[in-house]
Amino acid sequence: MRHGIACWPTLATESIAAKGLESVAGITPATVVWPPGIQPLPPKTYVGNGRPPTRLQRAPGHEPGSVKELATSLPARAWQSITWRQGSNAALSSRLDAVRVRCAGGNSGRYRLQPEQWLQIQWLKAQAEPEKYYLSKLPDSTSTHDHVNAAHMRCRIERDYQDLKQDLGLVHTEGRGLRGIHHHATLSIATYGFLVAQHLNGDTDGMS
């Protein structure tokens, strides 16, 4: 029996999905999932003694596996080379595949079948094993490029936050009251939004 690491992002992503929002969460290679086409067996038949069984059964042919095991079992034709943006020295690219899975780790994974979600795997051809894994609550029709853009959105957010701190002084405030801190943060974010809009409109002078 494989219990493995629980899909800890599941609780967070379910809460986000309940609000009608989409989400992507990085996971470890040891995270356990039900691969495509494999599901647990129903709970044991209730014989009338004690509480009815609720735990899903696992048996040969009905067992989950780690996302790393799933990745290494995928055929070569499943992988697609994707370039997501131009880096400082070269284009940033990797091989990617996205498959539909269900989380199987933790107590919740043993007692109920979780909803399907996307498992995105990134694996550079020169590396011995995959480099990154993501679980996402994106629509079924999501394209490969949209998977990559969603997964790497965190890098853009971190870059925006760095610009806010270094160039616009987001953290350079000595105010002690909550109202003053909110006022300073609002002005910093509004200024950054204005500069980004100017940049997108082609006004490079506005970014200087």
Protein backbone atom coordinates (compact mmCIF):
# COMPACT_ATOMS: atom_id res chain seq x y z
CA MET A 1 0.00 0.00 0.00
CA ARG A 2 1.25 3.46 -0.89
CA HIS A 3 0.16 6.37 1.23
CA GLY A 4 2.83 8.90 0.26
CA ILE A 5 2.79 12.63 0.72
CA ALA A 6 -0.58 14.32 0.91
CA CYS A 7 -1.55 16.76 -1.80
CA TRP A 8 -1.27 19.67 0.61
CA PRO A 9 -2.19 22.25 -2.06
CA THR A 10 -5.58 20.54 -2.47
CA LEU A 11 -7.23 22.32 0.48
CA ALA A 12 -5.98 25.69 -0.70
CA THR A 13 -6.88 25.12 -4.35
CA GLU A 14 -10.36 23.82 -3.44
CA SER A 15 -10.98 26.98 -1.42
CA ILE A 16 -9.80 29.09 -4.34
CA ALA A 17 -11.88 27.10 -6.84
CA ALA A 18 -14.97 27.61 -4.66
CA LYS A 19 -14.58 31.34 -5.34
CA GLY A 20 -14.53 30.75 -9.10
CA LEU A 21 -10.79 31.33 -9.40
CA GLU A 22 -8.07 29.25 -11.05
CA SER A 23 -4.86 28.19 -9.32
CA VAL A 24 -1.50 26.50 -9.86
CA ALA A 25 0.61 25.01 -7.04
CA GLY A 26 4.08 23.51 -7.09
CA ILE A 27 4.41 20.03 -5.55
CA THR A 28 7.21 17.62 -4.64
CA PRO A 29 8.18 14.56 -6.73
CA ALA A 30 6.92 12.29 -3.94
CA THR A 31 3.33 13.56 -4.12
CA VAL A 32 1.02 10.60 -4.71
CA VAL A 33 -1.73 10.70 -7.34
CA TRP A 34 -4.08 8.40 -9.22
CA PRO A 35 -2.73 8.21 -12.79
CA PRO A 36 -5.10 8.56 -15.77
CA GLY A 37 -7.44 5.57 -16.04
CA ILE A 38 -6.64 4.14 -12.59
CA GLN A 39 -8.98 4.51 -9.61
CA PRO A 40 -9.39 2.83 -6.23
CA LEU A 41 -11.90 0.10 -5.56
CA PRO A 42 -15.09 0.90 -3.61
CA PRO A 43 -15.14 0.43 0.18
CA LYS A 44 -15.73 -3.06 1.53
CA THR A 45 -19.32 -4.31 1.60
CA TYR A 46 -21.13 -3.45 4.81
CA VAL A 47 -22.08 -6.60 6.74
CA GLY A 48 -24.17 -4.90 9.41
CA ASN A 49 -21.65 -4.72 12.26
CA GLY A 50 -20.33 -1.33 13.44
CA ARG A 51 -19.92 1.65 11.18
CA PRO A 52 -20.17 1.16 7.41
CA PRO A 53 -16.73 1.02 5.73
CA THR A 54 -15.77 4.28 4.02
CA ARG A 55 -12.12 3.69 3.14
CA LEU A 56 -11.43 3.17 -0.56
CA GLN A 57 -9.59 -0.07 -1.32
CA ARG A 58 -6.29 -0.44 -3.10
CA ALA A 59 -5.21 -3.62 -4.84
CA PRO A 60 -2.85 -4.66 -7.66
CA GLY A 61 -3.91 -2.67 -10.70
CA HIS A 62 -5.72 -0.17 -8.47
CA GLU A 63 -2.81 1.61 -6.78
CA PRO A 64 -1.64 5.23 -7.00
CA GLY A 65 1.94 6.30 -7.58
CA SER A 66 4.21 9.27 -7.13
CA VAL A 67 4.22 12.01 -9.74
CA LYS A 68 7.87 11.18 -10.41
CA GLU A 69 6.97 7.58 -11.24
CA LEU A 70 4.20 8.79 -13.51
CA ALA A 71 6.54 11.20 -15.28
CA THR A 72 9.19 8.56 -15.97
CA SER A 73 6.55 6.16 -17.34
CA LEU A 74 5.27 8.59 -19.98
CA PRO A 75 6.25 7.78 -23.59
CA ALA A 76 8.68 10.03 -25.45
CA ARG A 77 5.94 11.21 -27.81
CA ALA A 78 4.00 12.69 -24.86
CA TRP A 79 6.56 15.46 -24.32
CA GLN A 80 6.33 18.79 -26.08
CA SER A 81 9.11 21.39 -26.28
CA ILE A 82 7.89 24.81 -25.14
CA THR A 83 9.59 28.23 -25.01
CA TRP A 84 7.85 30.63 -22.65
CA ARG A 85 10.00 33.78 -22.77
CA GLN A 86 13.34 35.27 -23.74
CA GLY A 87 15.85 35.25 -20.89
CA SER A 88 18.84 37.55 -20.42
CA ASN A 89 21.18 35.15 -22.22
CA ALA A 90 18.93 32.73 -24.10
CA ALA A 91 15.34 31.67 -24.57
CA LEU A 92 13.83 29.85 -21.57
CA SER A 93 12.44 26.51 -22.66
CA SER A 94 11.78 22.98 -21.47
CA ARG A 95 9.88 19.82 -22.34
CA LEU A 96 6.40 19.65 -20.90
CA ASP A 97 3.49 17.26 -20.54
CA ALA A 98 0.17 17.77 -18.77
CA VAL A 99 -2.09 14.89 -17.70
CA ARG A 100 -5.30 14.63 -15.70
CA VAL A 101 -4.83 13.04 -12.25
CA ARG A 102 -6.48 12.82 -8.84
CA CYS A 103 -4.69 13.40 -5.53
CA ALA A 104 -4.33 10.16 -3.54
CA GLY A 105 -2.17 11.03 -0.52
CA GLY A 106 -3.25 11.90 3.01
CA ASN A 107 -6.42 10.93 4.84
CA SER A 108 -8.74 12.65 2.38
CA GLY A 109 -7.16 10.75 -0.50
CA ARG A 110 -7.78 7.41 1.20
CA TYR A 111 -11.43 8.00 2.06
CA ARG A 112 -12.80 9.80 -0.98
CA LEU A 113 -11.94 10.18 -4.64
CA GLN A 114 -10.65 13.68 -5.24
CA PRO A 115 -11.71 15.74 -8.29
CA GLU A 116 -9.53 15.57 -11.37
CA GLN A 117 -6.95 18.28 -11.92
CA TRP A 118 -3.99 18.91 -14.17
CA LEU A 119 -0.54 17.60 -13.36
CA GLN A 120 2.04 19.62 -15.27
CA ILE A 121 5.56 18.18 -15.55
CA GLN A 122 8.62 20.02 -16.83
CA TRP A 123 11.63 17.94 -17.83
CA LEU A 124 14.69 19.22 -19.64
CA LYS A 125 15.95 16.62 -22.08
CA ALA A 126 19.52 16.96 -20.79
CA GLN A 127 18.50 16.18 -17.19
CA ALA A 128 18.21 12.72 -15.67
CA GLU A 129 14.79 13.38 -14.09
CA PRO A 130 11.98 15.95 -14.18
CA GLU A 131 12.74 19.36 -12.69
CA LYS A 132 9.31 20.73 -11.71
CA TYR A 133 5.80 19.49 -10.97
CA TYR A 134 2.60 21.54 -10.68
CA LEU A 135 -1.02 20.75 -9.84
CA SER A 136 -3.53 23.14 -11.33
CA LYS A 137 -7.26 23.79 -11.35
CA LEU A 138 -7.26 25.07 -14.93
CA PRO A 139 -10.09 24.23 -17.38
CA ASP A 140 -10.04 20.93 -19.27
CA SER A 141 -9.45 22.76 -22.56
CA THR A 142 -6.33 24.62 -21.37
CA SER A 143 -3.59 24.67 -24.01
CA THR A 144 0.01 23.72 -23.31
CA HIS A 145 1.19 27.34 -23.63
CA ASP A 146 -1.47 28.47 -21.15
CA HIS A 147 -0.28 25.81 -18.68
CA VAL A 148 3.26 27.15 -18.89
CA ASN A 149 2.19 30.80 -18.60
CA ALA A 150 0.11 30.04 -15.49
CA ALA A 151 2.92 28.06 -13.84
CA HIS A 152 5.48 30.81 -14.45
CA MET A 153 3.22 33.65 -13.40
CA ARG A 154 4.86 33.48 -9.97
CA CYS A 155 8.15 34.67 -11.48
CA ARG A 156 6.41 37.74 -12.89
CA ILE A 157 4.74 38.48 -9.56
CA GLU A 158 8.07 38.19 -7.73
CA ARG A 159 9.70 40.51 -10.27
CA ASP A 160 6.88 43.06 -9.83
CA TYR A 161 7.29 42.90 -6.06
CA GLN A 162 11.05 43.40 -6.39
CA ASP A 163 10.50 46.46 -8.59
CA LEU A 164 7.99 47.84 -6.11
CA LYS A 165 10.49 47.48 -3.28
CA GLN A 166 13.62 48.69 -5.06
CA ASP A 167 12.35 51.35 -7.46
CA LEU A 168 9.18 52.67 -5.83
CA GLY A 169 9.98 52.29 -2.13
CA LEU A 170 7.13 49.97 -1.16
CA VAL A 171 8.87 48.96 2.07
CA HIS A 172 10.48 52.36 2.73
CA THR A 173 7.95 53.74 5.16
CA GLU A 174 8.27 54.72 8.79
CA GLY A 175 4.58 55.07 9.44
CA ARG A 176 3.30 53.34 12.55
CA GLY A 177 -0.41 53.53 11.89
CA LEU A 178 -2.26 51.06 9.69
CA ARG A 179 -3.93 53.86 7.76
CA GLY A 180 -0.59 55.44 6.87
CA ILE A 181 0.88 52.10 5.76
CA HIS A 182 -2.15 51.45 3.54
CA HIS A 183 -1.85 54.93 2.07
CA HIS A 184 1.84 54.43 1.25
CA ALA A 185 1.26 50.96 -0.27
CA THR A 186 -1.67 52.23 -2.35
CA LEU A 187 0.38 55.09 -3.82
CA SER A 188 3.31 52.77 -4.58
CA ILE A 189 1.11 50.19 -6.33
CA ALA A 190 -0.86 52.84 -8.23
CA THR A 191 2.39 54.43 -9.44
CA TYR A 192 3.75 51.08 -10.56
CA GLY A 193 0.51 50.31 -12.41
CA PHE A 194 0.73 53.66 -14.20
CA LEU A 195 4.34 53.02 -15.24
CA VAL A 196 3.53 49.52 -16.52
CA ALA A 197 0.61 50.92 -18.54
CA GLN A 198 2.92 53.55 -20.04
CA HIS A 199 5.42 50.86 -20.93
CA LEU A 200 2.78 48.68 -22.57
CA ASN A 201 1.62 51.68 -24.61
CA GLY A 202 5.15 52.14 -25.92
CA ASP A 203 6.02 55.21 -23.83
CA THR A 204 9.54 54.29 -22.73
CA ASP A 205 10.17 57.80 -21.40
CA GLY A 206 7.50 57.23 -18.77
CA MET A 207 9.50 54.34 -17.33
CA SER A 208 12.69 56.33 -16.81
